[in-house]
Every structure is written in C-alpha cells, then in structure tokens.
Amino acid sequence: MLAGLTPDLIALQLFTGLALGAVYVLLSIGLSLIFGMLTVVNFAHGAFYMIGAYIGLYALSIGANFWVALLVVPVAVGLVGLAVERVLIRPLYGRGIDYPLLLTFGLGYVMIEVVRIIFGRTGYPFDTPELLQGAVDIWVGYFPLYRLFIIAATAVVLAGLYLFLEKTSFGLIIRAGARDPQIVRILGVDVSKVWLIVFGIGTGIAGLAGLLAAPLQGVAPEMGATILAEAFVVTVVGGMGSLLGAVLAGLLVGVVVSMTSLFAPEMAKVSIFALMAVVLLVRPQGFFGRAGLMS
C-alpha cells in the first residue's frame, strides 16, 4: 500500500483534510463564540447544524437555488437561535454551567424528533450545485470543485467574523463582555442583548455549516449527532472559548482524519480522540484556552 503513495496523492489527501476541517471550523467557531461569551456549553449545536441542512433542502424544494439558500439558511437558523436563547436559556443564567448544558442536551433531542415528524426518518440526497460540480486541476491532480468552494466559503466567513469582532464597536463590546461582563454592565451596556445576538450568530454559522456539508453527506435527522462530538473535540483541542484555537484545531483535526483514512481507514474516527488525548496531556486547557474557564 505504501508503495502506491505518491507526493501528489498525499497532497490531494491534505486538501481533502482541509475541506473537512473547514466544516469543523464553521461548527466549532459557533461553539467557541457562544461559550466564550455566554459560558454556555451548547449541546444543541449539532441540531442547529442539522436544521440548516433541512432548511436548505426545503428552500431548494420550493424553487430556490443553492445561492439563495446560502443567504437564507444562516439567517433562518440564527432566528431560531435567538428564540431559543431568549425563551429557554436566558432564565438559566447565573444558576451554574450545568443548567444550560442539560437544557441544550435535551433540546437537541427535541429538535431531532421534530424534524423526524415533519420530514420523516429517512435521509435525503442533496445535489451539488451545477456550477460547482466536477473537478479542477490544482497542480498536484484534480480536486472536487465543491470542496474547494467549502474552503473558500469558510475563509470568507472567518474574514467577516474577524472584521466584525475587531473593527466594529459592537465587536468590541462582545470581546469586552467575554472577559468581564460586569464591567460592561457598569458602562451601561445591556449585556443580555449582546448575549442574544452572539447566540444567534453562533447558531447561524452552525446552520451554514450544515448546508455546506449537505452535498457531501446528504441530509438526515441524525447528521448533527456524530459531528457534534467531533466539533467538541475541536473546541477542546483549540481551547474552550478561543476562536483562533477553533480555526487551527479544526483544520488540524480535518487533516489528521484525512491522512489517517489514507494510511489506516479503520482508525480514522479514533484518531480524532487520540489527538485530543495527546493535546490535553500536554496542555489541559487546549492550544489557546484559559485555565479555569470551566470552573
């Protein structure tokens, strides 16, 4: 098997890992954003990812195209997130980290069952947009165009999020609130509104990740359950609450899974947790996490 490995094949596999890592990044930055600001471990995040895929599927079924869905899905899922934060999570602030954790854990199952009732238990295929079908030559071989699009779309989202957080007054409030919400309150800022918007942004990005992943894996009620565990691994490896850590860890995990699939396919899923174990042994708070953040 090793004799058949060429530099071009390894390079193509690395690009495959980056595309997979891009999906991990989108899902994980939502988790990290919500935890870093609200200190909420959102176990319903995978369900929001799944909802995004189903809203995209429904949009296509009523005549919209994929590009319209790219705009509609994050907004629609973000609005669902706003409602969840305002009605269900907000009353639990100040009661300890376990309360919203347990609530979102149960909420994830409720959302899955609601989708099963509406759309059925069987999965659906999700066609790759016609414009993004086929493969392109990337010098080391032909690579699926849609996977390159996922990498590019993730880069655009990250650039937009960076500009929002670093270059706007509201972004400054979010960063300040993540470090010391009490000081922000003293300055007269309504922190509850900030938390509401942050939760909506985080869930909206998760919905976008679900839509982007749909052509690769199809759409099914359980699609968010497996990837949620992997997204938490990425978040822990990068450091809870660290957006930079989520980006670097997401790409790293994607590459590790992809390369392991090349050399030992049966170990691909195990490699994710092996990587987490090694990182936590060396640095318990992850790459860029702050020690004691969970306490």
C-alpha atoms as a PDB file:
ATOM      1  CA  MET A   1       0.000   0.000   0.000  1.00  0.00           C
ATOM      2  CA  LEU A   2       2.766   2.427   0.920  1.00  0.00           C
ATOM      3  CA  ALA A   3       4.413   1.758  -2.420  1.00  0.00           C
ATOM      4  CA  GLY A   4       1.387   3.271  -4.171  1.00  0.00           C
ATOM      5  CA  LEU A   5       1.590   6.526  -2.240  1.00  0.00           C
ATOM      6  CA  THR A   6       2.902   9.400  -4.309  1.00  0.00           C
ATOM      7  CA  PRO A   7       3.536  13.016  -3.282  1.00  0.00           C
ATOM      8  CA  ASP A   8       0.600  14.091  -5.448  1.00  0.00           C
ATOM      9  CA  LEU A   9      -1.746  11.637  -3.739  1.00  0.00           C
ATOM     10  CA  ILE A  10      -0.631  12.819  -0.304  1.00  0.00           C
ATOM     11  CA  ALA A  11      -1.104  16.447  -1.369  1.00  0.00           C
ATOM     12  CA  LEU A  12      -4.627  15.703  -2.624  1.00  0.00           C
ATOM     13  CA  GLN A  13      -5.420  13.993   0.663  1.00  0.00           C
ATOM     14  CA  LEU A  14      -4.195  17.053   2.539  1.00  0.00           C
ATOM     15  CA  PHE A  15      -6.593  19.216   0.531  1.00  0.00           C
ATOM     16  CA  THR A  16      -9.384  16.762   1.367  1.00  0.00           C
ATOM     17  CA  GLY A  17      -8.487  17.173   5.028  1.00  0.00           C
ATOM     18  CA  LEU A  18      -8.619  20.955   4.727  1.00  0.00           C
ATOM     19  CA  ALA A  19     -12.115  20.753   3.216  1.00  0.00           C
ATOM     20  CA  LEU A  20     -13.277  18.503   6.054  1.00  0.00           C
ATOM     21  CA  GLY A  21     -11.521  20.751   8.532  1.00  0.00           C
ATOM     22  CA  ALA A  22     -13.352  23.769   7.110  1.00  0.00           C
ATOM     23  CA  VAL A  23     -16.693  22.216   8.127  1.00  0.00           C
ATOM     24  CA  TYR A  24     -15.268  21.507  11.593  1.00  0.00           C
ATOM     25  CA  VAL A  25     -14.094  25.111  11.805  1.00  0.00           C
ATOM     26  CA  LEU A  26     -17.507  26.566  10.988  1.00  0.00           C
ATOM     27  CA  LEU A  27     -19.234  24.358  13.536  1.00  0.00           C
ATOM     28  CA  SER A  28     -16.596  24.891  16.214  1.00  0.00           C
ATOM     29  CA  ILE A  29     -16.307  28.666  15.979  1.00  0.00           C
ATOM     30  CA  GLY A  30     -20.022  28.840  16.753  1.00  0.00           C
ATOM     31  CA  LEU A  31     -19.488  26.660  19.803  1.00  0.00           C
ATOM     32  CA  SER A  32     -16.475  28.698  20.904  1.00  0.00           C
ATOM     33  CA  LEU A  33     -18.215  32.029  20.318  1.00  0.00           C
ATOM     34  CA  ILE A  34     -21.209  31.001  22.423  1.00  0.00           C
ATOM     35  CA  PHE A  35     -19.096  29.503  25.192  1.00  0.00           C
ATOM     36  CA  GLY A  36     -16.572  32.339  25.247  1.00  0.00           C
ATOM     37  CA  MET A  37     -19.285  34.963  25.640  1.00  0.00           C
ATOM     38  CA  LEU A  38     -22.133  33.194  27.437  1.00  0.00           C
ATOM     39  CA  THR A  39     -20.247  30.328  29.141  1.00  0.00           C
ATOM     40  CA  VAL A  40     -22.922  28.032  27.717  1.00  0.00           C
ATOM     41  CA  VAL A  41     -21.895  24.560  26.557  1.00  0.00           C
ATOM     42  CA  ASN A  42     -24.403  24.243  23.725  1.00  0.00           C
ATOM     43  CA  PHE A  43     -25.169  20.555  23.222  1.00  0.00           C
ATOM     44  CA  ALA A  44     -27.929  21.501  20.759  1.00  0.00           C
ATOM     45  CA  HIS A  45     -25.322  22.886  18.345  1.00  0.00           C
ATOM     46  CA  GLY A  46     -25.372  19.733  16.221  1.00  0.00           C
ATOM     47  CA  ALA A  47     -29.159  20.053  15.937  1.00  0.00           C
ATOM     48  CA  PHE A  48     -28.798  23.615  14.619  1.00  0.00           C
ATOM     49  CA  TYR A  49     -26.297  22.236  12.077  1.00  0.00           C
ATOM     50  CA  MET A  50     -28.888  19.667  11.025  1.00  0.00           C
ATOM     51  CA  ILE A  51     -31.666  22.287  10.877  1.00  0.00           C
ATOM     52  CA  GLY A  52     -29.535  24.331   8.491  1.00  0.00           C
ATOM     53  CA  ALA A  53     -29.279  21.391   6.093  1.00  0.00           C
ATOM     54  CA  TYR A  54     -33.042  20.780   6.212  1.00  0.00           C
ATOM     55  CA  ILE A  55     -33.916  24.440   5.669  1.00  0.00           C
ATOM     56  CA  GLY A  56     -31.602  24.416   2.650  1.00  0.00           C
ATOM     57  CA  LEU A  57     -33.273  21.244   1.382  1.00  0.00           C
ATOM     58  CA  TYR A  58     -36.722  22.807   1.820  1.00  0.00           C
ATOM     59  CA  ALA A  59     -35.613  26.018   0.083  1.00  0.00           C
ATOM     60  CA  LEU A  60     -34.479  24.008  -2.933  1.00  0.00           C
ATOM     61  CA  SER A  61     -37.728  22.016  -2.960  1.00  0.00           C
ATOM     62  CA  ILE A  62     -39.815  25.204  -3.348  1.00  0.00           C
ATOM     63  CA  GLY A  63     -37.737  26.520  -6.222  1.00  0.00           C
ATOM     64  CA  ALA A  64     -34.918  28.483  -4.623  1.00  0.00           C
ATOM     65  CA  ASN A  65     -31.374  27.796  -5.748  1.00  0.00           C
ATOM     66  CA  PHE A  66     -28.313  26.950  -3.688  1.00  0.00           C
ATOM     67  CA  TRP A  67     -27.042  30.530  -3.690  1.00  0.00           C
ATOM     68  CA  VAL A  68     -30.277  31.851  -2.244  1.00  0.00           C
ATOM     69  CA  ALA A  69     -30.138  29.091   0.365  1.00  0.00           C
ATOM     70  CA  LEU A  70     -26.640  30.258   1.339  1.00  0.00           C
ATOM     71  CA  LEU A  71     -28.167  33.572   2.367  1.00  0.00           C
ATOM     72  CA  VAL A  72     -31.433  32.293   3.825  1.00  0.00           C
ATOM     73  CA  VAL A  73     -30.135  29.401   5.937  1.00  0.00           C
ATOM     74  CA  PRO A  74     -27.819  31.247   8.380  1.00  0.00           C
ATOM     75  CA  VAL A  75     -30.445  33.950   8.883  1.00  0.00           C
ATOM     76  CA  ALA A  76     -33.256  31.447   9.476  1.00  0.00           C
ATOM     77  CA  VAL A  77     -31.223  29.257  11.832  1.00  0.00           C
ATOM     78  CA  GLY A  78     -29.920  32.346  13.598  1.00  0.00           C
ATOM     79  CA  LEU A  79     -33.507  33.475  14.228  1.00  0.00           C
ATOM     80  CA  VAL A  80     -34.289  30.065  15.735  1.00  0.00           C
ATOM     81  CA  GLY A  81     -31.216  30.520  17.927  1.00  0.00           C
ATOM     82  CA  LEU A  82     -32.435  33.944  19.040  1.00  0.00           C
ATOM     83  CA  ALA A  83     -35.750  32.432  20.145  1.00  0.00           C
ATOM     84  CA  VAL A  84     -34.029  29.587  21.983  1.00  0.00           C
ATOM     85  CA  GLU A  85     -31.714  31.943  23.859  1.00  0.00           C
ATOM     86  CA  ARG A  86     -34.457  34.396  24.775  1.00  0.00           C
ATOM     87  CA  VAL A  87     -37.080  31.866  25.899  1.00  0.00           C
ATOM     88  CA  LEU A  88     -35.148  28.859  27.192  1.00  0.00           C
ATOM     89  CA  ILE A  89     -31.540  29.711  28.026  1.00  0.00           C
ATOM     90  CA  ARG A  90     -31.742  33.239  29.405  1.00  0.00           C
ATOM     91  CA  PRO A  91     -33.713  32.248  32.548  1.00  0.00           C
ATOM     92  CA  LEU A  92     -30.863  29.860  33.456  1.00  0.00           C
ATOM     93  CA  TYR A  93     -28.047  32.415  33.540  1.00  0.00           C
ATOM     94  CA  GLY A  94     -26.416  32.605  36.931  1.00  0.00           C
ATOM     95  CA  ARG A  95     -27.525  29.131  38.004  1.00  0.00           C
ATOM     96  CA  GLY A  96     -24.295  27.365  37.100  1.00  0.00           C
ATOM     97  CA  ILE A  97     -22.922  25.884  33.916  1.00  0.00           C
ATOM     98  CA  ASP A  98     -24.796  22.571  34.340  1.00  0.00           C
ATOM     99  CA  TYR A  99     -28.277  24.022  33.832  1.00  0.00           C
ATOM    100  CA  PRO A 100     -27.942  25.324  30.250  1.00  0.00           C
ATOM    101  CA  LEU A 101     -25.821  22.267  29.418  1.00  0.00           C
ATOM    102  CA  LEU A 102     -28.616  19.896  30.408  1.00  0.00           C
ATOM    103  CA  LEU A 103     -31.263  22.050  28.758  1.00  0.00           C
ATOM    104  CA  THR A 104     -29.446  22.178  25.408  1.00  0.00           C
ATOM    105  CA  PHE A 105     -28.729  18.444  25.643  1.00  0.00           C
ATOM    106  CA  GLY A 106     -32.450  17.740  25.857  1.00  0.00           C
ATOM    107  CA  LEU A 107     -33.300  20.441  23.321  1.00  0.00           C
ATOM    108  CA  GLY A 108     -31.097  18.746  20.746  1.00  0.00           C
ATOM    109  CA  TYR A 109     -33.148  15.549  21.017  1.00  0.00           C
ATOM    110  CA  VAL A 110     -36.410  17.512  20.800  1.00  0.00           C
ATOM    111  CA  MET A 111     -35.251  19.267  17.618  1.00  0.00           C
ATOM    112  CA  ILE A 112     -34.271  15.944  16.052  1.00  0.00           C
ATOM    113  CA  GLU A 113     -37.673  14.422  16.837  1.00  0.00           C
ATOM    114  CA  VAL A 114     -39.495  17.462  15.437  1.00  0.00           C
ATOM    115  CA  VAL A 115     -37.536  17.101  12.175  1.00  0.00           C
ATOM    116  CA  ARG A 116     -38.376  13.368  12.064  1.00  0.00           C
ATOM    117  CA  ILE A 117     -42.078  14.181  12.454  1.00  0.00           C
ATOM    118  CA  ILE A 118     -42.009  16.798   9.677  1.00  0.00           C
ATOM    119  CA  PHE A 119     -39.603  15.241   7.166  1.00  0.00           C
ATOM    120  CA  GLY A 120     -39.585  11.564   8.151  1.00  0.00           C
ATOM    121  CA  ARG A 121     -36.858   9.326   9.497  1.00  0.00           C
ATOM    122  CA  THR A 122     -35.139   8.572   6.205  1.00  0.00           C
ATOM    123  CA  GLY A 123     -32.413  10.750   4.821  1.00  0.00           C
ATOM    124  CA  TYR A 124     -32.419  12.743   1.572  1.00  0.00           C
ATOM    125  CA  PRO A 125     -29.720  13.319  -1.027  1.00  0.00           C
ATOM    126  CA  PHE A 126     -28.586  16.892  -1.580  1.00  0.00           C
ATOM    127  CA  ASP A 127     -27.287  17.604  -5.059  1.00  0.00           C
ATOM    128  CA  THR A 128     -24.105  19.580  -5.533  1.00  0.00           C
ATOM    129  CA  PRO A 129     -24.879  22.904  -7.251  1.00  0.00           C
ATOM    130  CA  GLU A 130     -24.408  22.587 -11.009  1.00  0.00           C
ATOM    131  CA  LEU A 131     -21.879  25.425 -11.089  1.00  0.00           C
ATOM    132  CA  LEU A 132     -19.700  23.618  -8.526  1.00  0.00           C
ATOM    133  CA  GLN A 133     -19.803  20.134  -9.989  1.00  0.00           C
ATOM    134  CA  GLY A 134     -16.742  18.439 -11.407  1.00  0.00           C
ATOM    135  CA  ALA A 135     -13.076  18.808 -10.540  1.00  0.00           C
ATOM    136  CA  VAL A 136     -10.317  21.302 -11.241  1.00  0.00           C
ATOM    137  CA  ASP A 137      -6.600  20.880 -11.680  1.00  0.00           C
ATOM    138  CA  ILE A 138      -4.713  22.122  -8.592  1.00  0.00           C
ATOM    139  CA  TRP A 139      -1.260  21.210  -9.933  1.00  0.00           C
ATOM    140  CA  VAL A 140      -0.999  18.020  -7.884  1.00  0.00           C
ATOM    141  CA  GLY A 141      -4.072  16.466  -9.513  1.00  0.00           C
ATOM    142  CA  TYR A 142      -7.784  17.016  -9.990  1.00  0.00           C
ATOM    143  CA  PHE A 143      -9.729  18.004  -6.902  1.00  0.00           C
ATOM    144  CA  PRO A 144     -13.520  18.351  -6.466  1.00  0.00           C
ATOM    145  CA  LEU A 145     -14.540  21.929  -7.101  1.00  0.00           C
ATOM    146  CA  TYR A 146     -17.191  21.870  -4.387  1.00  0.00           C
ATOM    147  CA  ARG A 147     -14.636  21.019  -1.700  1.00  0.00           C
ATOM    148  CA  LEU A 148     -12.537  23.990  -2.804  1.00  0.00           C
ATOM    149  CA  PHE A 149     -15.680  26.106  -2.527  1.00  0.00           C
ATOM    150  CA  ILE A 150     -16.174  24.969   1.085  1.00  0.00           C
ATOM    151  CA  ILE A 151     -12.620  26.037   1.931  1.00  0.00           C
ATOM    152  CA  ALA A 152     -13.160  29.418   0.251  1.00  0.00           C
ATOM    153  CA  ALA A 153     -16.564  29.950   1.884  1.00  0.00           C
ATOM    154  CA  THR A 154     -15.100  29.204   5.297  1.00  0.00           C
ATOM    155  CA  ALA A 155     -12.302  31.710   4.677  1.00  0.00           C
ATOM    156  CA  VAL A 156     -14.889  34.371   3.770  1.00  0.00           C
ATOM    157  CA  VAL A 157     -16.929  33.675   6.924  1.00  0.00           C
ATOM    158  CA  LEU A 158     -13.811  33.836   9.098  1.00  0.00           C
ATOM    159  CA  ALA A 159     -12.704  37.098   7.492  1.00  0.00           C
ATOM    160  CA  GLY A 160     -16.155  38.594   8.010  1.00  0.00           C
ATOM    161  CA  LEU A 161     -16.285  37.445  11.623  1.00  0.00           C
ATOM    162  CA  TYR A 162     -12.807  38.844  12.277  1.00  0.00           C
ATOM    163  CA  LEU A 163     -13.727  42.237  10.831  1.00  0.00           C
ATOM    164  CA  PHE A 164     -16.971  42.255  12.810  1.00  0.00           C
ATOM    165  CA  LEU A 165     -15.270  41.447  16.114  1.00  0.00           C
ATOM    166  CA  GLU A 166     -12.146  43.566  15.617  1.00  0.00           C
ATOM    167  CA  LYS A 167     -13.314  46.567  13.618  1.00  0.00           C
ATOM    168  CA  THR A 168     -16.804  47.387  14.902  1.00  0.00           C
ATOM    169  CA  SER A 169     -17.970  48.917  18.164  1.00  0.00           C
ATOM    170  CA  PHE A 170     -20.340  46.009  18.753  1.00  0.00           C
ATOM    171  CA  GLY A 171     -17.480  43.580  18.250  1.00  0.00           C
ATOM    172  CA  LEU A 172     -15.519  45.482  20.877  1.00  0.00           C
ATOM    173  CA  ILE A 173     -18.443  45.091  23.289  1.00  0.00           C
ATOM    174  CA  ILE A 174     -18.578  41.350  22.584  1.00  0.00           C
ATOM    175  CA  ARG A 175     -14.857  40.931  23.271  1.00  0.00           C
ATOM    176  CA  ALA A 176     -15.063  43.019  26.417  1.00  0.00           C
ATOM    177  CA  GLY A 177     -18.141  41.147  27.617  1.00  0.00           C
ATOM    178  CA  ALA A 178     -16.405  37.815  27.154  1.00  0.00           C
ATOM    179  CA  ARG A 179     -13.637  38.946  29.501  1.00  0.00           C
ATOM    180  CA  ASP A 180     -15.630  40.870  32.109  1.00  0.00           C
ATOM    181  CA  PRO A 181     -19.410  41.215  31.646  1.00  0.00           C
ATOM    182  CA  GLN A 182     -19.736  43.070  34.956  1.00  0.00           C
ATOM    183  CA  ILE A 183     -17.603  45.952  33.723  1.00  0.00           C
ATOM    184  CA  VAL A 184     -19.640  46.124  30.534  1.00  0.00           C
ATOM    185  CA  ARG A 185     -22.826  46.368  32.610  1.00  0.00           C
ATOM    186  CA  ILE A 186     -21.312  49.185  34.670  1.00  0.00           C
ATOM    187  CA  LEU A 187     -20.604  51.069  31.452  1.00  0.00           C
ATOM    188  CA  GLY A 188     -24.333  50.939  30.672  1.00  0.00           C
ATOM    189  CA  VAL A 189     -24.374  48.220  28.029  1.00  0.00           C
ATOM    190  CA  ASP A 190     -27.340  45.813  28.020  1.00  0.00           C
ATOM    191  CA  VAL A 191     -25.358  42.573  28.185  1.00  0.00           C
ATOM    192  CA  SER A 192     -28.467  40.440  27.689  1.00  0.00           C
ATOM    193  CA  LYS A 193     -28.939  41.875  24.193  1.00  0.00           C
ATOM    194  CA  VAL A 194     -25.297  41.191  23.388  1.00  0.00           C
ATOM    195  CA  TRP A 195     -25.641  37.585  24.540  1.00  0.00           C
ATOM    196  CA  LEU A 196     -28.798  37.220  22.451  1.00  0.00           C
ATOM    197  CA  ILE A 197     -27.041  38.374  19.275  1.00  0.00           C
ATOM    198  CA  VAL A 198     -23.955  36.248  19.966  1.00  0.00           C
ATOM    199  CA  PHE A 199     -26.085  33.133  20.362  1.00  0.00           C
ATOM    200  CA  GLY A 200     -27.880  33.948  17.126  1.00  0.00           C
ATOM    201  CA  ILE A 201     -24.594  34.425  15.254  1.00  0.00           C
ATOM    202  CA  GLY A 202     -23.161  31.180  16.632  1.00  0.00           C
ATOM    203  CA  THR A 203     -26.184  29.103  15.699  1.00  0.00           C
ATOM    204  CA  GLY A 204     -26.455  30.805  12.306  1.00  0.00           C
ATOM    205  CA  ILE A 205     -22.891  29.778  11.460  1.00  0.00           C
ATOM    206  CA  ALA A 206     -23.722  26.219  12.555  1.00  0.00           C
ATOM    207  CA  GLY A 207     -26.685  26.211  10.173  1.00  0.00           C
ATOM    208  CA  LEU A 208     -24.444  27.418   7.351  1.00  0.00           C
ATOM    209  CA  ALA A 209     -22.016  24.567   8.108  1.00  0.00           C
ATOM    210  CA  GLY A 210     -24.890  22.088   7.830  1.00  0.00           C
ATOM    211  CA  LEU A 211     -25.895  23.449   4.439  1.00  0.00           C
ATOM    212  CA  LEU A 212     -22.328  23.331   3.121  1.00  0.00           C
ATOM    213  CA  ALA A 213     -21.865  19.757   4.375  1.00  0.00           C
ATOM    214  CA  ALA A 214     -25.166  18.513   2.923  1.00  0.00           C
ATOM    215  CA  PRO A 215     -23.900  17.805  -0.627  1.00  0.00           C
ATOM    216  CA  LEU A 216     -21.053  15.761   0.882  1.00  0.00           C
ATOM    217  CA  GLN A 217     -23.064  13.567   3.252  1.00  0.00           C
ATOM    218  CA  GLY A 218     -26.741  14.012   2.456  1.00  0.00           C
ATOM    219  CA  VAL A 219     -29.393  15.238   4.871  1.00  0.00           C
ATOM    220  CA  ALA A 220     -30.674  13.134   7.782  1.00  0.00           C
ATOM    221  CA  PRO A 221     -32.080  13.830  11.270  1.00  0.00           C
ATOM    222  CA  GLU A 222     -29.041  12.269  12.947  1.00  0.00           C
ATOM    223  CA  MET A 223     -26.426  14.107  10.876  1.00  0.00           C
ATOM    224  CA  GLY A 224     -25.651  16.556  13.658  1.00  0.00           C
ATOM    225  CA  ALA A 225     -25.134  13.965  16.407  1.00  0.00           C
ATOM    226  CA  THR A 226     -21.874  12.468  15.153  1.00  0.00           C
ATOM    227  CA  ILE A 227     -20.276  15.682  14.038  1.00  0.00           C
ATOM    228  CA  LEU A 228     -21.192  17.369  17.330  1.00  0.00           C
ATOM    229  CA  ALA A 229     -18.853  15.039  19.204  1.00  0.00           C
ATOM    230  CA  GLU A 230     -16.115  15.830  16.690  1.00  0.00           C
ATOM    231  CA  ALA A 231     -16.814  19.556  16.970  1.00  0.00           C
ATOM    232  CA  PHE A 232     -16.448  19.382  20.740  1.00  0.00           C
ATOM    233  CA  VAL A 233     -13.114  17.636  20.261  1.00  0.00           C
ATOM    234  CA  VAL A 234     -12.029  20.506  18.021  1.00  0.00           C
ATOM    235  CA  THR A 235     -13.251  23.062  20.570  1.00  0.00           C
ATOM    236  CA  VAL A 236     -11.452  21.344  23.439  1.00  0.00           C
ATOM    237  CA  VAL A 237      -8.226  20.917  21.465  1.00  0.00           C
ATOM    238  CA  GLY A 238      -8.275  24.552  20.360  1.00  0.00           C
ATOM    239  CA  GLY A 239      -9.235  25.775  23.823  1.00  0.00           C
ATOM    240  CA  MET A 240     -12.765  26.425  25.087  1.00  0.00           C
ATOM    241  CA  GLY A 241     -13.857  29.893  24.042  1.00  0.00           C
ATOM    242  CA  SER A 242     -10.927  30.552  21.677  1.00  0.00           C
ATOM    243  CA  LEU A 243     -11.897  31.378  18.091  1.00  0.00           C
ATOM    244  CA  LEU A 244      -8.301  31.181  16.872  1.00  0.00           C
ATOM    245  CA  GLY A 245      -7.965  27.816  18.604  1.00  0.00           C
ATOM    246  CA  ALA A 246     -11.164  26.569  16.926  1.00  0.00           C
ATOM    247  CA  VAL A 247      -9.817  27.521  13.492  1.00  0.00           C
ATOM    248  CA  LEU A 248      -6.389  25.919  13.921  1.00  0.00           C
ATOM    249  CA  ALA A 249      -7.726  22.828  15.698  1.00  0.00           C
ATOM    250  CA  GLY A 250     -10.499  22.356  13.118  1.00  0.00           C
ATOM    251  CA  LEU A 251      -8.047  22.331  10.229  1.00  0.00           C
ATOM    252  CA  LEU A 252      -5.657  20.087  12.169  1.00  0.00           C
ATOM    253  CA  VAL A 253      -8.373  17.569  13.030  1.00  0.00           C
ATOM    254  CA  GLY A 254      -9.569  17.522   9.417  1.00  0.00           C
ATOM    255  CA  VAL A 255      -6.069  16.809   8.139  1.00  0.00           C
ATOM    256  CA  VAL A 256      -5.458  14.138  10.809  1.00  0.00           C
ATOM    257  CA  VAL A 257      -8.703  12.335   9.892  1.00  0.00           C
ATOM    258  CA  SER A 258      -7.957  12.570   6.185  1.00  0.00           C
ATOM    259  CA  MET A 259      -4.386  11.314   6.445  1.00  0.00           C
ATOM    260  CA  THR A 260      -5.381   8.529   8.832  1.00  0.00           C
ATOM    261  CA  SER A 261      -8.049   7.467   6.316  1.00  0.00           C
ATOM    262  CA  LEU A 262      -5.279   7.149   3.742  1.00  0.00           C
ATOM    263  CA  PHE A 263      -2.941   5.011   5.837  1.00  0.00           C
ATOM    264  CA  ALA A 264      -5.349   3.218   8.213  1.00  0.00           C
ATOM    265  CA  PRO A 265      -9.028   3.847   7.315  1.00  0.00           C
ATOM    266  CA  GLU A 266     -10.359   1.840  10.261  1.00  0.00           C
ATOM    267  CA  MET A 267      -8.595   4.230  12.655  1.00  0.00           C
ATOM    268  CA  ALA A 268      -9.896   7.471  11.134  1.00  0.00           C
ATOM    269  CA  LYS A 269     -12.521   8.252  13.785  1.00  0.00           C
ATOM    270  CA  VAL A 270     -10.316   7.018  16.619  1.00  0.00           C
ATOM    271  CA  SER A 271      -7.556   9.396  15.521  1.00  0.00           C
ATOM    272  CA  ILE A 272      -9.689  12.409  16.493  1.00  0.00           C
ATOM    273  CA  PHE A 273      -9.920  11.335  20.119  1.00  0.00           C
ATOM    274  CA  ALA A 274      -6.313  10.168  20.185  1.00  0.00           C
ATOM    275  CA  LEU A 275      -5.260  13.643  19.105  1.00  0.00           C
ATOM    276  CA  MET A 276      -7.414  15.199  21.834  1.00  0.00           C
ATOM    277  CA  ALA A 277      -5.882  12.916  24.465  1.00  0.00           C
ATOM    278  CA  VAL A 278      -2.348  13.837  23.433  1.00  0.00           C
ATOM    279  CA  VAL A 279      -3.087  17.576  23.403  1.00  0.00           C
ATOM    280  CA  LEU A 280      -4.816  17.502  26.802  1.00  0.00           C
ATOM    281  CA  LEU A 281      -1.944  15.553  28.352  1.00  0.00           C
ATOM    282  CA  VAL A 282       0.488  18.253  27.232  1.00  0.00           C
ATOM    283  CA  ARG A 283      -1.787  21.287  27.600  1.00  0.00           C
ATOM    284  CA  PRO A 284      -5.019  20.604  29.543  1.00  0.00           C
ATOM    285  CA  GLN A 285      -6.645  23.904  28.509  1.00  0.00           C
ATOM    286  CA  GLY A 286      -6.037  23.292  24.794  1.00  0.00           C
ATOM    287  CA  PHE A 287      -3.988  25.379  22.376  1.00  0.00           C
ATOM    288  CA  PHE A 288      -5.310  28.818  23.310  1.00  0.00           C
ATOM    289  CA  GLY A 289      -7.734  28.150  26.170  1.00  0.00           C
ATOM    290  CA  ARG A 290      -7.572  29.836  29.538  1.00  0.00           C
ATOM    291  CA  ALA A 291      -7.026  27.620  32.555  1.00  0.00           C
ATOM    292  CA  GLY A 292     -10.008  27.503  34.923  1.00  0.00           C
ATOM    293  CA  LEU A 293     -12.531  28.772  32.379  1.00  0.00           C
ATOM    294  CA  MET A 294     -14.936  25.921  33.085  1.00  0.00           C
ATOM    295  CA  SER A 295     -14.958  26.475  36.827  1.00  0.00           C
END
